[in-house]
Amino acid sequence: MTEEGRRLSEEEFVVQAIRKLRKEPFRGIHSVYSGFNEAFRKYFGTNPVEATSRLAAEGKIEVRPFKGGAMLFLPNEAPKRPSTEEVIQLILESGTRNLSEEEFFIEGIKKLRKDPYKGISSVFSGFNEAFRRHFNKDPIEFANKMASEGKIEIIPMRSGKGVMLYLPGEGPRGRKAEETLKRILG
């Protein structure tokens, strides 16, 4: 309840949640990790994903898919996504010659990853669509071929939306394996 004793509308609740739950310097909140989804369900007794999707479609908020849920932003505060053409140009800017499919993958991983991360999401980075548009070929099929040849590493995303792409030897290594090796070897 608000101070006046009236219930907030879904829009008021979401906007207020974004303003009050975000932590500087971030402009948005994670729908799950901030506790937003749980609080929304408790307050309204309905599905927060349906409400936030509707509010985003109406332009009242912006939603970006994110690991483990979604990021919620006020209008015009979400990070801008590059267009497919911008992603292609970023990958190709390394020179004047055309890149092979393999070189496009390698350059794509190098140019689209954000420090300190070593990999890119095939979907959220825009890479899959850029590869598809530039070569008119299936990026998934080509990624699997490169991975089987040891030229890239692929890690499935828990969300089921795409994979993470890494250069050889740069994919995450389980700490458990390292600890087990130390115990076995000495």
Protein backbone atom coordinates (compact mmCIF):
# COMPACT_ATOMS: atom_id res chain seq x y z
CA MET A 1 0.00 0.00 0.00
CA THR A 2 1.09 3.58 -0.58
CA GLU A 3 0.91 6.33 2.00
CA GLU A 4 -2.57 7.28 0.81
CA GLY A 5 -3.74 3.71 1.44
CA ARG A 6 -4.53 2.95 -2.20
CA ARG A 7 -3.05 0.13 -4.21
CA LEU A 8 -0.58 0.94 -6.97
CA SER A 9 -1.38 0.05 -10.55
CA GLU A 10 0.94 -2.44 -12.23
CA GLU A 11 2.63 0.39 -14.13
CA GLU A 12 3.13 2.47 -10.97
CA PHE A 13 4.50 -0.56 -9.12
CA VAL A 14 7.01 -1.44 -11.88
CA VAL A 15 8.21 2.15 -12.36
CA GLN A 16 8.58 2.64 -8.61
CA ALA A 17 10.43 -0.69 -8.31
CA ILE A 18 12.91 0.32 -11.01
CA ARG A 19 13.53 3.71 -9.36
CA LYS A 20 13.88 2.34 -5.83
CA LEU A 21 15.66 -0.99 -6.44
CA ARG A 22 18.35 0.02 -8.91
CA LYS A 23 21.83 0.50 -7.57
CA GLU A 24 24.17 3.14 -8.94
CA PRO A 25 25.67 3.21 -11.52
CA PHE A 26 23.13 0.78 -13.02
CA ARG A 27 20.03 2.16 -14.72
CA GLY A 28 17.94 -1.01 -14.51
CA ILE A 29 17.05 -3.85 -12.19
CA HIS A 30 17.23 -7.61 -12.67
CA SER A 31 13.72 -9.04 -12.51
CA VAL A 32 14.79 -12.03 -10.40
CA TYR A 33 17.92 -11.04 -8.45
CA SER A 34 16.44 -7.72 -7.27
CA GLY A 35 13.46 -9.56 -5.76
CA PHE A 36 11.10 -7.75 -8.14
CA ASN A 37 9.32 -10.85 -9.53
CA GLU A 38 8.63 -12.24 -6.07
CA ALA A 39 7.41 -8.87 -4.74
CA PHE A 40 5.17 -8.39 -7.80
CA ARG A 41 3.59 -11.84 -7.35
CA LYS A 42 2.99 -11.14 -3.67
CA TYR A 43 1.46 -7.70 -4.28
CA PHE A 44 -0.72 -8.57 -7.30
CA GLY A 45 -0.98 -12.36 -7.22
CA THR A 46 -0.26 -12.43 -10.98
CA ASN A 47 2.59 -13.23 -13.33
CA PRO A 48 5.12 -10.36 -13.48
CA VAL A 49 6.46 -11.48 -16.89
CA GLU A 50 3.06 -10.93 -18.52
CA ALA A 51 2.75 -7.47 -16.94
CA THR A 52 6.28 -6.33 -17.79
CA SER A 53 5.94 -7.66 -21.36
CA ARG A 54 2.69 -5.73 -21.79
CA LEU A 55 4.17 -2.55 -20.28
CA ALA A 56 7.20 -2.87 -22.60
CA ALA A 57 4.90 -3.30 -25.63
CA GLU A 58 3.10 -0.11 -24.55
CA GLY A 59 6.43 1.76 -24.24
CA LYS A 60 6.03 2.31 -20.48
CA ILE A 61 9.26 0.41 -19.68
CA GLU A 62 12.03 -1.37 -21.58
CA VAL A 63 12.93 -5.01 -21.05
CA ARG A 64 16.17 -6.72 -22.06
CA PRO A 65 16.65 -10.48 -21.75
CA PHE A 66 19.44 -11.21 -19.32
CA LYS A 67 21.03 -14.25 -17.74
CA GLY A 68 18.58 -15.76 -15.25
CA GLY A 69 15.71 -13.40 -16.09
CA ALA A 70 15.42 -9.92 -17.58
CA MET A 71 16.61 -6.39 -16.93
CA LEU A 72 13.89 -3.77 -16.48
CA PHE A 73 14.52 -0.12 -17.41
CA LEU A 74 12.57 3.12 -17.56
CA PRO A 75 11.92 4.34 -21.13
CA ASN A 76 15.07 5.49 -22.97
CA GLU A 77 17.37 4.22 -20.21
CA ALA A 78 18.10 0.72 -21.55
CA PRO A 79 21.40 0.17 -23.33
CA LYS A 80 20.99 0.64 -27.05
CA ARG A 81 21.30 -2.52 -29.13
CA PRO A 82 23.38 -2.25 -32.26
CA SER A 83 21.57 -3.05 -35.49
CA THR A 84 22.52 -6.16 -37.44
CA GLU A 85 24.31 -3.94 -39.96
CA GLU A 86 26.26 -2.23 -37.16
CA VAL A 87 27.35 -5.63 -35.78
CA ILE A 88 28.52 -6.70 -39.25
CA GLN A 89 30.46 -3.45 -39.72
CA LEU A 90 32.07 -3.79 -36.29
CA ILE A 91 33.27 -7.30 -37.14
CA LEU A 92 34.48 -6.34 -40.63
CA GLU A 93 36.27 -3.13 -39.60
CA SER A 94 39.54 -5.03 -39.21
CA GLY A 95 40.43 -4.55 -42.88
CA THR A 96 39.33 -3.96 -46.40
CA ARG A 97 39.23 -7.60 -47.51
CA ASN A 98 36.24 -9.85 -46.98
CA LEU A 99 36.45 -12.30 -44.12
CA SER A 100 35.82 -16.02 -44.49
CA GLU A 101 33.07 -17.53 -42.34
CA GLU A 102 35.72 -18.84 -39.94
CA GLU A 103 37.46 -15.45 -39.71
CA PHE A 104 34.07 -13.78 -39.18
CA PHE A 105 33.45 -16.05 -36.16
CA ILE A 106 36.90 -15.34 -34.66
CA GLU A 107 36.66 -11.58 -35.22
CA GLY A 108 33.06 -11.58 -33.98
CA ILE A 109 34.08 -13.12 -30.67
CA LYS A 110 37.02 -10.73 -30.30
CA LYS A 111 35.07 -7.57 -31.20
CA LEU A 112 31.71 -8.26 -29.54
CA ARG A 113 32.90 -9.43 -26.13
CA LYS A 114 32.82 -6.91 -23.33
CA ASP A 115 35.65 -6.77 -20.81
CA PRO A 116 36.16 -8.70 -18.53
CA TYR A 117 34.19 -11.42 -20.36
CA LYS A 118 35.98 -13.68 -22.80
CA GLY A 119 32.91 -14.94 -24.66
CA ILE A 120 29.79 -13.66 -26.38
CA SER A 121 26.19 -14.75 -26.40
CA SER A 122 25.40 -15.94 -29.91
CA VAL A 123 21.91 -14.44 -29.63
CA PHE A 124 22.06 -11.38 -27.36
CA SER A 125 25.25 -10.00 -28.98
CA GLY A 126 23.52 -9.98 -32.37
CA PHE A 127 26.17 -12.32 -33.79
CA ASN A 128 23.82 -15.06 -35.08
CA GLU A 129 21.69 -12.60 -37.04
CA ALA A 130 24.79 -10.80 -38.39
CA PHE A 131 26.32 -14.08 -39.60
CA ARG A 132 23.01 -15.19 -41.12
CA ARG A 133 22.56 -11.88 -42.97
CA HIS A 134 26.19 -11.55 -44.12
CA PHE A 135 26.68 -15.13 -45.37
CA ASN A 136 23.06 -16.29 -45.83
CA LYS A 137 24.00 -19.44 -43.89
CA ASP A 138 23.00 -21.06 -40.60
CA PRO A 139 25.34 -19.82 -37.83
CA ILE A 140 24.47 -22.76 -35.57
CA GLU A 141 25.56 -25.33 -38.11
CA PHE A 142 28.81 -23.46 -38.77
CA ALA A 143 29.50 -22.96 -35.03
CA ASN A 144 29.10 -26.69 -34.43
CA LYS A 145 31.53 -27.43 -37.28
CA MET A 146 34.12 -25.00 -35.87
CA ALA A 147 33.70 -26.41 -32.36
CA SER A 148 34.16 -29.99 -33.60
CA GLU A 149 37.41 -28.84 -35.26
CA GLY A 150 38.57 -27.18 -31.99
CA LYS A 151 38.52 -23.68 -33.51
CA ILE A 152 36.00 -22.29 -30.99
CA GLU A 153 34.38 -23.43 -27.76
CA ILE A 154 30.61 -23.53 -27.25
CA ILE A 155 28.88 -23.46 -23.86
CA PRO A 156 25.06 -23.81 -23.86
CA MET A 157 23.21 -21.05 -22.00
CA ARG A 158 20.94 -22.12 -19.15
CA SER A 159 18.13 -20.02 -20.56
CA GLY A 160 18.16 -22.16 -23.68
CA LYS A 161 18.44 -19.02 -25.83
CA GLY A 162 21.61 -19.50 -27.82
CA VAL A 163 25.08 -20.41 -26.65
CA MET A 164 28.19 -18.68 -25.42
CA LEU A 165 31.01 -18.61 -27.98
CA TYR A 166 34.68 -18.55 -26.92
CA LEU A 167 38.05 -18.72 -28.60
CA PRO A 168 39.91 -22.01 -27.92
CA GLY A 169 41.12 -22.24 -24.32
CA GLU A 170 39.12 -19.19 -23.18
CA GLY A 171 35.90 -20.91 -22.13
CA PRO A 172 35.13 -21.14 -18.43
CA ARG A 173 36.77 -23.98 -16.58
CA GLY A 174 35.03 -25.60 -13.68
CA ARG A 175 36.78 -24.96 -10.38
CA LYS A 176 35.82 -28.42 -9.32
CA ALA A 177 37.98 -29.96 -12.05
CA GLU A 178 40.95 -27.82 -11.00
CA GLU A 179 40.51 -28.72 -7.34
CA THR A 180 40.16 -32.40 -8.20
CA LEU A 181 43.34 -32.32 -10.29
CA LYS A 182 45.26 -30.66 -7.43
CA ARG A 183 44.05 -33.35 -5.04
CA ILE A 184 44.96 -36.16 -7.44
CA LEU A 185 48.34 -34.79 -8.50
CA GLY A 186 49.57 -33.59 -5.24
